[in-house]
Amino acid sequence: MEAVRDGGSNDETGRITLNASIPELIYGGNVFKNTQLNSECSKEIMQASMKTDRMTKDKPVTLNLNTYANLGNVKAELSWDNNDTPVQKGSFNVSGRFITGLSGNQGIESRITPSDIIINDTVWKVSPGYISIHDKVVDLAGIKVSSDDRHLTLNGRLSNEETDTLTVGLKDVSVSYIS
């Protein structure tokens, strides 16, 4: 089966749509199946979504990405579900606004909104946090993922400056599965 795309434009409303269906895609050694892409743009808004199954050991992990931008504001949600046990699923939600950095370049200030994720059948809470990306700098504040008294926290700045630091806090969290 081949990929299918369709779309259209309306000059009166300035609306443009594009949709695609891709049965199988191999990218960077990863296999994606049943990919659906949808986007719509007008003079004031842009929204896009993607749904796909990433194959891991011949089993699908469903991935969804939804984005929306309007008048300088942006929202995004990434969710996943391994559709198996142990359960690995959840969502990560961000809302923000576009900014102009000190050098005049575009950047973004965003807030992580609370959500739950499940890792190996254990519920973890994503707490509100702050991310700012501007002028080749990433600032992180109050980023926390926790389950009972276990947690991972991120605070600090990532940049080319040797004096900038990122503090990672871990309490009873195993990172052995991260490669």
Foldseek 3Di string as FASTA:
>chain_A
DAKDKDWDADPVFQKTKIKIWGQWDADPNKIKGGKIKIWMDTPFKIKIKIWIFIADPNFTKIWIWIKMDGDFKIKIKIWIWRVDPPTWIWMKIKIWGWDQDPVRDIKIKIKTPWIWTADRNAIKIFHIWIWIDYPQKIFTGFTWIGGDPWIWGWGWMDHPDPPTDIDIDTDPDDPVPPD
